Amino acid sequence: MIDEKDVTAYVSIPDYFTQGCSEDIVIFRADGGNHFTDYGIFSGMFLFFDMKKDFEKGRLSCYINSADDGRPKYKVSDKDMEGYQHLGRLVMTMRNYEV
């Protein structure tokens, strides 16, 4: 589903962070759009999506554009997106601070 060339890193996550989740987690970094501030998501945050969790109305999910038709490859939405394939549902977010 995800092209191996799109993977930039692999990380280990302690089990207690992902209780109730599958082992198929994909992580993206939120871009500068700040479209989901109502969900507490801001630019630069890490978004964890469980690829085994189905779409649920009102919950954020990640979608993939496999058509390579000029539209963005990955999108996040709380609605089902026509023309995109559901990739996974948001299960965790994390802010990244540099000190």
PDB file of N, CA and C in Angstrom:
ATOM      1  N   MET A   1       0.829  -1.188   0.000  1.00  0.00           N
ATOM      2  CA  MET A   1       0.000   0.000   0.000  1.00  0.00           C
ATOM      3  C   MET A   1       0.873   1.252   0.000  1.00  0.00           C
ATOM      4  N   ILE A   2       1.900   1.313   0.858  1.00  0.00           N
ATOM      5  CA  ILE A   2       2.825   2.443   0.867  1.00  0.00           C
ATOM      6  C   ILE A   2       4.072   2.013   0.120  1.00  0.00           C
ATOM      7  N   ASP A   3       4.506   2.835  -0.819  1.00  0.00           N
ATOM      8  CA  ASP A   3       5.707   2.536  -1.584  1.00  0.00           C
ATOM      9  C   ASP A   3       6.919   2.649  -0.668  1.00  0.00           C
ATOM     10  N   GLU A   4       7.787   1.659  -0.707  1.00  0.00           N
ATOM     11  CA  GLU A   4       8.959   1.617   0.168  1.00  0.00           C
ATOM     12  C   GLU A   4       9.831   2.855   0.013  1.00  0.00           C
ATOM     13  N   LYS A   5       9.879   3.451  -1.158  1.00  0.00           N
ATOM     14  CA  LYS A   5      10.699   4.653  -1.371  1.00  0.00           C
ATOM     15  C   LYS A   5      10.143   5.869  -0.626  1.00  0.00           C
ATOM     16  N   ASP A   6       8.889   5.817  -0.220  1.00  0.00           N
ATOM     17  CA  ASP A   6       8.282   6.914   0.544  1.00  0.00           C
ATOM     18  C   ASP A   6       8.639   6.849   2.028  1.00  0.00           C
ATOM     19  N   VAL A   7       9.172   5.729   2.484  1.00  0.00           N
ATOM     20  CA  VAL A   7       9.525   5.555   3.890  1.00  0.00           C
ATOM     21  C   VAL A   7      10.866   6.228   4.144  1.00  0.00           C
ATOM     22  N   THR A   8      10.890   7.142   5.113  1.00  0.00           N
ATOM     23  CA  THR A   8      12.136   7.864   5.411  1.00  0.00           C
ATOM     24  C   THR A   8      12.790   7.384   6.697  1.00  0.00           C
ATOM     25  N   ALA A   9      12.054   6.679   7.570  1.00  0.00           N
ATOM     26  CA  ALA A   9      12.640   6.197   8.816  1.00  0.00           C
ATOM     27  C   ALA A   9      11.739   5.140   9.437  1.00  0.00           C
ATOM     28  N   TYR A  10      12.330   4.309  10.242  1.00  0.00           N
ATOM     29  CA  TYR A  10      11.603   3.348  11.067  1.00  0.00           C
ATOM     30  C   TYR A  10      11.892   3.691  12.516  1.00  0.00           C
ATOM     31  N   VAL A  11      10.874   3.576  13.376  1.00  0.00           N
ATOM     32  CA  VAL A  11      11.064   3.902  14.788  1.00  0.00           C
ATOM     33  C   VAL A  11      10.469   2.800  15.656  1.00  0.00           C
ATOM     34  N   SER A  12      10.966   2.704  16.885  1.00  0.00           N
ATOM     35  CA  SER A  12      10.394   1.799  17.881  1.00  0.00           C
ATOM     36  C   SER A  12       9.516   2.624  18.811  1.00  0.00           C
ATOM     37  N   ILE A  13       8.329   2.100  19.105  1.00  0.00           N
ATOM     38  CA  ILE A  13       7.392   2.791  19.985  1.00  0.00           C
ATOM     39  C   ILE A  13       7.078   1.854  21.148  1.00  0.00           C
ATOM     40  N   PRO A  14       7.190   2.329  22.387  1.00  0.00           N
ATOM     41  CA  PRO A  14       6.839   1.472  23.530  1.00  0.00           C
ATOM     42  C   PRO A  14       5.402   0.976  23.416  1.00  0.00           C
ATOM     43  N   ASP A  15       5.183  -0.278  23.787  1.00  0.00           N
ATOM     44  CA  ASP A  15       3.868  -0.906  23.665  1.00  0.00           C
ATOM     45  C   ASP A  15       2.759  -0.127  24.366  1.00  0.00           C
ATOM     46  N   TYR A  16       3.062   0.498  25.510  1.00  0.00           N
ATOM     47  CA  TYR A  16       2.004   1.182  26.256  1.00  0.00           C
ATOM     48  C   TYR A  16       1.461   2.401  25.508  1.00  0.00           C
ATOM     49  N   PHE A  17       2.211   2.939  24.537  1.00  0.00           N
ATOM     50  CA  PHE A  17       1.698   4.052  23.733  1.00  0.00           C
ATOM     51  C   PHE A  17       0.672   3.591  22.712  1.00  0.00           C
ATOM     52  N   THR A  18       0.759   2.351  22.314  1.00  0.00           N
ATOM     53  CA  THR A  18      -0.092   1.871  21.220  1.00  0.00           C
ATOM     54  C   THR A  18      -1.012   0.738  21.661  1.00  0.00           C
ATOM     55  N   GLN A  19      -1.390   0.706  22.931  1.00  0.00           N
ATOM     56  CA  GLN A  19      -2.326  -0.319  23.399  1.00  0.00           C
ATOM     57  C   GLN A  19      -3.619  -0.221  22.601  1.00  0.00           C
ATOM     58  N   GLY A  20      -4.123  -1.354  22.152  1.00  0.00           N
ATOM     59  CA  GLY A  20      -5.351  -1.391  21.366  1.00  0.00           C
ATOM     60  C   GLY A  20      -5.133  -1.144  19.894  1.00  0.00           C
ATOM     61  N   CYS A  21      -3.884  -0.972  19.480  1.00  0.00           N
ATOM     62  CA  CYS A  21      -3.559  -0.725  18.072  1.00  0.00           C
ATOM     63  C   CYS A  21      -2.888  -1.956  17.474  1.00  0.00           C
ATOM     64  N   SER A  22      -2.890  -2.012  16.163  1.00  0.00           N
ATOM     65  CA  SER A  22      -2.192  -3.088  15.466  1.00  0.00           C
ATOM     66  C   SER A  22      -0.707  -2.746  15.369  1.00  0.00           C
ATOM     67  N   GLU A  23       0.063  -3.616  14.765  1.00  0.00           N
ATOM     68  CA  GLU A  23       1.481  -3.344  14.543  1.00  0.00           C
ATOM     69  C   GLU A  23       1.713  -2.580  13.246  1.00  0.00           C
ATOM     70  N   ASP A  24       0.641  -2.270  12.534  1.00  0.00           N
ATOM     71  CA  ASP A  24       0.733  -1.549  11.258  1.00  0.00           C
ATOM     72  C   ASP A  24       0.436  -0.070  11.471  1.00  0.00           C
ATOM     73  N   ILE A  25       1.407   0.636  12.039  1.00  0.00           N
ATOM     74  CA  ILE A  25       1.276   2.070  12.310  1.00  0.00           C
ATOM     75  C   ILE A  25       2.153   2.818  11.315  1.00  0.00           C
ATOM     76  N   VAL A  26       1.614   3.891  10.754  1.00  0.00           N
ATOM     77  CA  VAL A  26       2.384   4.770   9.877  1.00  0.00           C
ATOM     78  C   VAL A  26       2.330   6.169  10.487  1.00  0.00           C
ATOM     79  N   ILE A  27       3.449   6.893  10.416  1.00  0.00           N
ATOM     80  CA  ILE A  27       3.542   8.207  11.048  1.00  0.00           C
ATOM     81  C   ILE A  27       3.835   9.256   9.982  1.00  0.00           C
ATOM     82  N   PHE A  28       3.093  10.345  10.039  1.00  0.00           N
ATOM     83  CA  PHE A  28       3.322  11.484   9.154  1.00  0.00           C
ATOM     84  C   PHE A  28       3.535  12.726  10.011  1.00  0.00           C
ATOM     85  N   ARG A  29       4.167  13.722   9.453  1.00  0.00           N
ATOM     86  CA  ARG A  29       4.331  15.012  10.136  1.00  0.00           C
ATOM     87  C   ARG A  29       3.343  15.997   9.511  1.00  0.00           C
ATOM     88  N   ALA A  30       2.573  16.676  10.361  1.00  0.00           N
ATOM     89  CA  ALA A  30       1.590  17.649   9.881  1.00  0.00           C
ATOM     90  C   ALA A  30       2.303  18.805   9.188  1.00  0.00           C
ATOM     91  N   ASP A  31       1.779  19.195   8.034  1.00  0.00           N
ATOM     92  CA  ASP A  31       2.380  20.307   7.288  1.00  0.00           C
ATOM     93  C   ASP A  31       1.902  21.637   7.853  1.00  0.00           C
ATOM     94  N   GLY A  32       2.233  22.715   7.188  1.00  0.00           N
ATOM     95  CA  GLY A  32       1.927  24.051   7.689  1.00  0.00           C
ATOM     96  C   GLY A  32       0.512  24.520   7.470  1.00  0.00           C
ATOM     97  N   GLY A  33      -0.385  23.637   7.023  1.00  0.00           N
ATOM     98  CA  GLY A  33      -1.742  24.068   6.725  1.00  0.00           C
ATOM     99  C   GLY A  33      -2.593  24.409   7.926  1.00  0.00           C
ATOM    100  N   ASN A  34      -2.332  23.787   9.064  1.00  0.00           N
ATOM    101  CA  ASN A  34      -3.126  23.980  10.282  1.00  0.00           C
ATOM    102  C   ASN A  34      -4.631  23.879  10.018  1.00  0.00           C
ATOM    103  N   HIS A  35      -5.037  22.840   9.283  1.00  0.00           N
ATOM    104  CA  HIS A  35      -6.445  22.634   8.940  1.00  0.00           C
ATOM    105  C   HIS A  35      -7.229  21.948  10.056  1.00  0.00           C
ATOM    106  N   PHE A  36      -6.524  21.350  11.024  1.00  0.00           N
ATOM    107  CA  PHE A  36      -7.196  20.541  12.031  1.00  0.00           C
ATOM    108  C   PHE A  36      -6.932  21.037  13.452  1.00  0.00           C
ATOM    109  N   THR A  37      -6.880  22.350  13.615  1.00  0.00           N
ATOM    110  CA  THR A  37      -6.642  22.914  14.948  1.00  0.00           C
ATOM    111  C   THR A  37      -7.787  22.585  15.904  1.00  0.00           C
ATOM    112  N   ASP A  38      -9.000  22.380  15.385  1.00  0.00           N
ATOM    113  CA  ASP A  38     -10.128  21.979  16.240  1.00  0.00           C
ATOM    114  C   ASP A  38      -9.884  20.613  16.874  1.00  0.00           C
ATOM    115  N   TYR A  39      -9.010  19.818  16.269  1.00  0.00           N
ATOM    116  CA  TYR A  39      -8.638  18.507  16.801  1.00  0.00           C
ATOM    117  C   TYR A  39      -7.355  18.585  17.635  1.00  0.00           C
ATOM    118  N   GLY A  40      -6.815  19.786  17.802  1.00  0.00           N
ATOM    119  CA  GLY A  40      -5.578  19.954  18.557  1.00  0.00           C
ATOM    120  C   GLY A  40      -4.328  19.628  17.759  1.00  0.00           C
ATOM    121  N   ILE A  41      -4.449  19.632  16.436  1.00  0.00           N
ATOM    122  CA  ILE A  41      -3.327  19.291  15.564  1.00  0.00           C
ATOM    123  C   ILE A  41      -2.797  20.561  14.922  1.00  0.00           C
ATOM    124  N   PHE A  42      -1.477  20.756  15.045  1.00  0.00           N
ATOM    125  CA  PHE A  42      -0.821  21.932  14.500  1.00  0.00           C
ATOM    126  C   PHE A  42       0.397  21.513  13.691  1.00  0.00           C
ATOM    127  N   SER A  43       0.896  22.432  12.903  1.00  0.00           N
ATOM    128  CA  SER A  43       2.048  22.196  12.040  1.00  0.00           C
ATOM    129  C   SER A  43       3.219  21.606  12.834  1.00  0.00           C
ATOM    130  N   GLY A  44       3.848  20.591  12.271  1.00  0.00           N
ATOM    131  CA  GLY A  44       5.019  19.980  12.868  1.00  0.00           C
ATOM    132  C   GLY A  44       4.739  18.796  13.779  1.00  0.00           C
ATOM    133  N   MET A  45       3.473  18.584  14.140  1.00  0.00           N
ATOM    134  CA  MET A  45       3.141  17.457  15.011  1.00  0.00           C
ATOM    135  C   MET A  45       3.263  16.144  14.246  1.00  0.00           C
ATOM    136  N   PHE A  46       3.554  15.066  14.988  1.00  0.00           N
ATOM    137  CA  PHE A  46       3.577  13.733  14.407  1.00  0.00           C
ATOM    138  C   PHE A  46       2.188  13.126  14.554  1.00  0.00           C
ATOM    139  N   LEU A  47       1.688  12.546  13.466  1.00  0.00           N
ATOM    140  CA  LEU A  47       0.362  11.937  13.445  1.00  0.00           C
ATOM    141  C   LEU A  47       0.527  10.442  13.216  1.00  0.00           C
ATOM    142  N   PHE A  48       0.000   9.638  14.126  1.00  0.00           N
ATOM    143  CA  PHE A  48       0.128   8.185  14.069  1.00  0.00           C
ATOM    144  C   PHE A  48      -1.195   7.593  13.576  1.00  0.00           C
ATOM    145  N   PHE A  49      -1.132   6.849  12.493  1.00  0.00           N
ATOM    146  CA  PHE A  49      -2.326   6.231  11.905  1.00  0.00           C
ATOM    147  C   PHE A  49      -2.194   4.717  11.955  1.00  0.00           C
ATOM    148  N   ASP A  50      -3.248   4.055  12.438  1.00  0.00           N
ATOM    149  CA  ASP A  50      -3.290   2.593  12.471  1.00  0.00           C
ATOM    150  C   ASP A  50      -3.934   2.123  11.173  1.00  0.00           C
ATOM    151  N   MET A  51      -3.160   1.404  10.370  1.00  0.00           N
ATOM    152  CA  MET A  51      -3.629   0.967   9.061  1.00  0.00           C
ATOM    153  C   MET A  51      -4.696  -0.131   9.145  1.00  0.00           C
ATOM    154  N   LYS A  52      -4.895  -0.722  10.306  1.00  0.00           N
ATOM    155  CA  LYS A  52      -5.910  -1.766  10.478  1.00  0.00           C
ATOM    156  C   LYS A  52      -7.241  -1.204  10.972  1.00  0.00           C
ATOM    157  N   LYS A  53      -7.269   0.073  11.333  1.00  0.00           N
ATOM    158  CA  LYS A  53      -8.508   0.681  11.833  1.00  0.00           C
ATOM    159  C   LYS A  53      -9.263   1.343  10.683  1.00  0.00           C
ATOM    160  N   ASP A  54     -10.533   0.999  10.560  1.00  0.00           N
ATOM    161  CA  ASP A  54     -11.381   1.501   9.481  1.00  0.00           C
ATOM    162  C   ASP A  54     -11.802   2.947   9.718  1.00  0.00           C
ATOM    163  N   PHE A  55     -12.310   3.563   8.659  1.00  0.00           N
ATOM    164  CA  PHE A  55     -12.861   4.912   8.739  1.00  0.00           C
ATOM    165  C   PHE A  55     -13.988   4.931   9.758  1.00  0.00           C
ATOM    166  N   GLU A  56     -14.046   5.996  10.546  1.00  0.00           N
ATOM    167  CA  GLU A  56     -15.120   6.213  11.502  1.00  0.00           C
ATOM    168  C   GLU A  56     -15.541   7.669  11.371  1.00  0.00           C
ATOM    169  N   LYS A  57     -16.806   7.898  11.113  1.00  0.00           N
ATOM    170  CA  LYS A  57     -17.314   9.253  10.907  1.00  0.00           C
ATOM    171  C   LYS A  57     -16.941  10.160  12.074  1.00  0.00           C
ATOM    172  N   GLY A  58     -16.402  11.348  11.742  1.00  0.00           N
ATOM    173  CA  GLY A  58     -16.040  12.321  12.758  1.00  0.00           C
ATOM    174  C   GLY A  58     -14.655  12.124  13.348  1.00  0.00           C
ATOM    175  N   ARG A  59     -13.951  11.065  12.948  1.00  0.00           N
ATOM    176  CA  ARG A  59     -12.587  10.800  13.415  1.00  0.00           C
ATOM    177  C   ARG A  59     -11.646  11.009  12.238  1.00  0.00           C
ATOM    178  N   LEU A  60     -10.451  11.501  12.489  1.00  0.00           N
ATOM    179  CA  LEU A  60      -9.499  11.768  11.419  1.00  0.00           C
ATOM    180  C   LEU A  60      -8.896  10.476  10.880  1.00  0.00           C
ATOM    181  N   SER A  61      -8.770  10.433   9.573  1.00  0.00           N
ATOM    182  CA  SER A  61      -8.145   9.312   8.886  1.00  0.00           C
ATOM    183  C   SER A  61      -7.169   9.848   7.853  1.00  0.00           C
ATOM    184  N   CYS A  62      -6.255   8.988   7.442  1.00  0.00           N
ATOM    185  CA  CYS A  62      -5.306   9.308   6.380  1.00  0.00           C
ATOM    186  C   CYS A  62      -5.751   8.577   5.121  1.00  0.00           C
ATOM    187  N   TYR A  63      -5.604   9.257   3.999  1.00  0.00           N
ATOM    188  CA  TYR A  63      -5.974   8.697   2.707  1.00  0.00           C
ATOM    189  C   TYR A  63      -4.786   8.791   1.762  1.00  0.00           C
ATOM    190  N   ILE A  64      -4.715   7.839   0.816  1.00  0.00           N
ATOM    191  CA  ILE A  64      -3.622   7.803  -0.144  1.00  0.00           C
ATOM    192  C   ILE A  64      -4.184   7.907  -1.559  1.00  0.00           C
ATOM    193  N   ASN A  65      -3.503   8.686  -2.382  1.00  0.00           N
ATOM    194  CA  ASN A  65      -3.850   8.825  -3.795  1.00  0.00           C
ATOM    195  C   ASN A  65      -2.899   7.934  -4.580  1.00  0.00           C
ATOM    196  N   SER A  66      -3.388   6.819  -5.055  1.00  0.00           N
ATOM    197  CA  SER A  66      -2.560   5.879  -5.808  1.00  0.00           C
ATOM    198  C   SER A  66      -2.548   6.183  -7.305  1.00  0.00           C
ATOM    199  N   ALA A  67      -3.338   7.153  -7.742  1.00  0.00           N
ATOM    200  CA  ALA A  67      -3.485   7.439  -9.165  1.00  0.00           C
ATOM    201  C   ALA A  67      -2.317   8.223  -9.754  1.00  0.00           C
ATOM    202  N   ASP A  68      -1.510   8.879  -8.909  1.00  0.00           N
ATOM    203  CA  ASP A  68      -0.399   9.705  -9.386  1.00  0.00           C
ATOM    204  C   ASP A  68      -0.892  10.695 -10.443  1.00  0.00           C
ATOM    205  N   ASP A  69      -1.959  11.434 -10.086  1.00  0.00           N
ATOM    206  CA  ASP A  69      -2.624  12.329 -11.034  1.00  0.00           C
ATOM    207  C   ASP A  69      -2.423  13.810 -10.711  1.00  0.00           C
ATOM    208  N   GLY A  70      -1.397  14.124  -9.949  1.00  0.00           N
ATOM    209  CA  GLY A  70      -1.113  15.525  -9.638  1.00  0.00           C
ATOM    210  C   GLY A  70      -1.708  15.995  -8.323  1.00  0.00           C
ATOM    211  N   ARG A  71      -2.694  15.275  -7.805  1.00  0.00           N
ATOM    212  CA  ARG A  71      -3.247  15.620  -6.498  1.00  0.00           C
ATOM    213  C   ARG A  71      -2.272  15.168  -5.417  1.00  0.00           C
ATOM    214  N   PRO A  72      -2.369  15.706  -4.204  1.00  0.00           N
ATOM    215  CA  PRO A  72      -1.461  15.277  -3.136  1.00  0.00           C
ATOM    216  C   PRO A  72      -1.512  13.765  -2.919  1.00  0.00           C
ATOM    217  N   LYS A  73      -0.359  13.168  -2.610  1.00  0.00           N
ATOM    218  CA  LYS A  73      -0.258  11.719  -2.403  1.00  0.00           C
ATOM    219  C   LYS A  73      -0.994  11.293  -1.130  1.00  0.00           C
ATOM    220  N   TYR A  74      -0.857  12.073  -0.054  1.00  0.00           N
ATOM    221  CA  TYR A  74      -1.498  11.742   1.224  1.00  0.00           C
ATOM    222  C   TYR A  74      -2.340  12.914   1.692  1.00  0.00           C
ATOM    223  N   LYS A  75      -3.533  12.623   2.223  1.00  0.00           N
ATOM    224  CA  LYS A  75      -4.431  13.649   2.746  1.00  0.00           C
ATOM    225  C   LYS A  75      -5.021  13.150   4.063  1.00  0.00           C
ATOM    226  N   VAL A  76      -5.377  14.074   4.935  1.00  0.00           N
ATOM    227  CA  VAL A  76      -6.044  13.757   6.193  1.00  0.00           C
ATOM    228  C   VAL A  76      -7.430  14.387   6.143  1.00  0.00           C
ATOM    229  N   SER A  77      -8.424  13.641   6.617  1.00  0.00           N
ATOM    230  CA  SER A  77      -9.792  14.154   6.614  1.00  0.00           C
ATOM    231  C   SER A  77     -10.619  13.441   7.677  1.00  0.00           C
ATOM    232  N   ASP A  78     -11.695  14.104   8.109  1.00  0.00           N
ATOM    233  CA  ASP A  78     -12.654  13.461   9.009  1.00  0.00           C
ATOM    234  C   ASP A  78     -13.873  12.973   8.237  1.00  0.00           C
ATOM    235  N   LYS A  79     -13.780  13.053   6.905  1.00  0.00           N
ATOM    236  CA  LYS A  79     -14.838  12.561   6.015  1.00  0.00           C
ATOM    237  C   LYS A  79     -14.219  11.558   5.049  1.00  0.00           C
ATOM    238  N   ASP A  80     -15.036  10.660   4.537  1.00  0.00           N
ATOM    239  CA  ASP A  80     -14.563   9.725   3.529  1.00  0.00           C
ATOM    240  C   ASP A  80     -14.249  10.516   2.261  1.00  0.00           C
ATOM    241  N   MET A  81     -13.085  10.277   1.650  1.00  0.00           N
ATOM    242  CA  MET A  81     -12.641  11.084   0.509  1.00  0.00           C
ATOM    243  C   MET A  81     -12.753  10.310  -0.799  1.00  0.00           C
ATOM    244  N   GLU A  82     -13.581  10.817  -1.691  1.00  0.00           N
ATOM    245  CA  GLU A  82     -13.733  10.185  -2.996  1.00  0.00           C
ATOM    246  C   GLU A  82     -12.442  10.344  -3.802  1.00  0.00           C
ATOM    247  N   GLY A  83     -12.032   9.286  -4.480  1.00  0.00           N
ATOM    248  CA  GLY A  83     -10.825   9.322  -5.293  1.00  0.00           C
ATOM    249  C   GLY A  83      -9.563   8.984  -4.519  1.00  0.00           C
ATOM    250  N   TYR A  84      -9.690   8.794  -3.218  1.00  0.00           N
ATOM    251  CA  TYR A  84      -8.567   8.403  -2.369  1.00  0.00           C
ATOM    252  C   TYR A  84      -8.909   7.084  -1.679  1.00  0.00           C
ATOM    253  N   GLN A  85      -7.883   6.303  -1.368  1.00  0.00           N
ATOM    254  CA  GLN A  85      -8.070   5.044  -0.652  1.00  0.00           C
ATOM    255  C   GLN A  85      -7.751   5.270   0.821  1.00  0.00           C
ATOM    256  N   HIS A  86      -8.611   4.737   1.700  1.00  0.00           N
ATOM    257  CA  HIS A  86      -8.397   4.873   3.138  1.00  0.00           C
ATOM    258  C   HIS A  86      -7.123   4.139   3.523  1.00  0.00           C
ATOM    259  N   LEU A  87      -6.224   4.813   4.253  1.00  0.00           N
ATOM    260  CA  LEU A  87      -4.960   4.211   4.667  1.00  0.00           C
ATOM    261  C   LEU A  87      -5.006   3.779   6.130  1.00  0.00           C
ATOM    262  N   GLY A  88      -5.595   4.596   6.991  1.00  0.00           N
ATOM    263  CA  GLY A  88      -5.671   4.251   8.407  1.00  0.00           C
ATOM    264  C   GLY A  88      -6.280   5.380   9.205  1.00  0.00           C
ATOM    265  N   ARG A  89      -6.695   5.057  10.443  1.00  0.00           N
ATOM    266  CA  ARG A  89      -7.341   6.044  11.309  1.00  0.00           C
ATOM    267  C   ARG A  89      -6.345   6.574  12.335  1.00  0.00           C
ATOM    268  N   LEU A  90      -6.453   7.855  12.645  1.00  0.00           N
ATOM    269  CA  LEU A  90      -5.581   8.504  13.619  1.00  0.00           C
ATOM    270  C   LEU A  90      -5.776   7.884  15.002  1.00  0.00           C
ATOM    271  N   VAL A  91      -4.657   7.480  15.621  1.00  0.00           N
ATOM    272  CA  VAL A  91      -4.741   6.876  16.948  1.00  0.00           C
ATOM    273  C   VAL A  91      -3.930   7.638  17.988  1.00  0.00           C
ATOM    274  N   MET A  92      -2.990   8.495  17.533  1.00  0.00           N
ATOM    275  CA  MET A  92      -2.157   9.217  18.482  1.00  0.00           C
ATOM    276  C   MET A  92      -1.512  10.407  17.781  1.00  0.00           C
ATOM    277  N   THR A  93      -1.287  11.484  18.528  1.00  0.00           N
ATOM    278  CA  THR A  93      -0.529  12.628  18.028  1.00  0.00           C
ATOM    279  C   THR A  93       0.588  12.933  19.024  1.00  0.00           C
ATOM    280  N   MET A  94       1.635  13.569  18.531  1.00  0.00           N
ATOM    281  CA  MET A  94       2.756  13.916  19.407  1.00  0.00           C
ATOM    282  C   MET A  94       3.366  15.216  18.927  1.00  0.00           C
ATOM    283  N   ARG A  95       3.551  16.129  19.848  1.00  0.00           N
ATOM    284  CA  ARG A  95       4.251  17.379  19.532  1.00  0.00           C
ATOM    285  C   ARG A  95       5.745  17.131  19.582  1.00  0.00           C
ATOM    286  N   ASN A  96       6.465  17.827  18.746  1.00  0.00           N
ATOM    287  CA  ASN A  96       7.924  17.706  18.696  1.00  0.00           C
ATOM    288  C   ASN A  96       8.528  19.042  19.063  1.00  0.00           C
ATOM    289  N   TYR A  97       9.263  19.074  20.155  1.00  0.00           N
ATOM    290  CA  TYR A  97       9.906  20.299  20.590  1.00  0.00           C
ATOM    291  C   TYR A  97      11.413  20.138  20.491  1.00  0.00           C
ATOM    292  N   GLU A  98      12.075  21.183  20.053  1.00  0.00           N
ATOM    293  CA  GLU A  98      13.536  21.203  20.058  1.00  0.00           C
ATOM    294  C   GLU A  98      13.985  22.081  21.202  1.00  0.00           C
ATOM    295  N   VAL A  99      14.969  21.612  21.963  1.00  0.00           N
ATOM    296  CA  VAL A  99      15.490  22.394  23.086  1.00  0.00           C
ATOM    297  C   VAL A  99      16.967  22.646  22.910  1.00  0.00           C
TER     298      VAL A  99
END
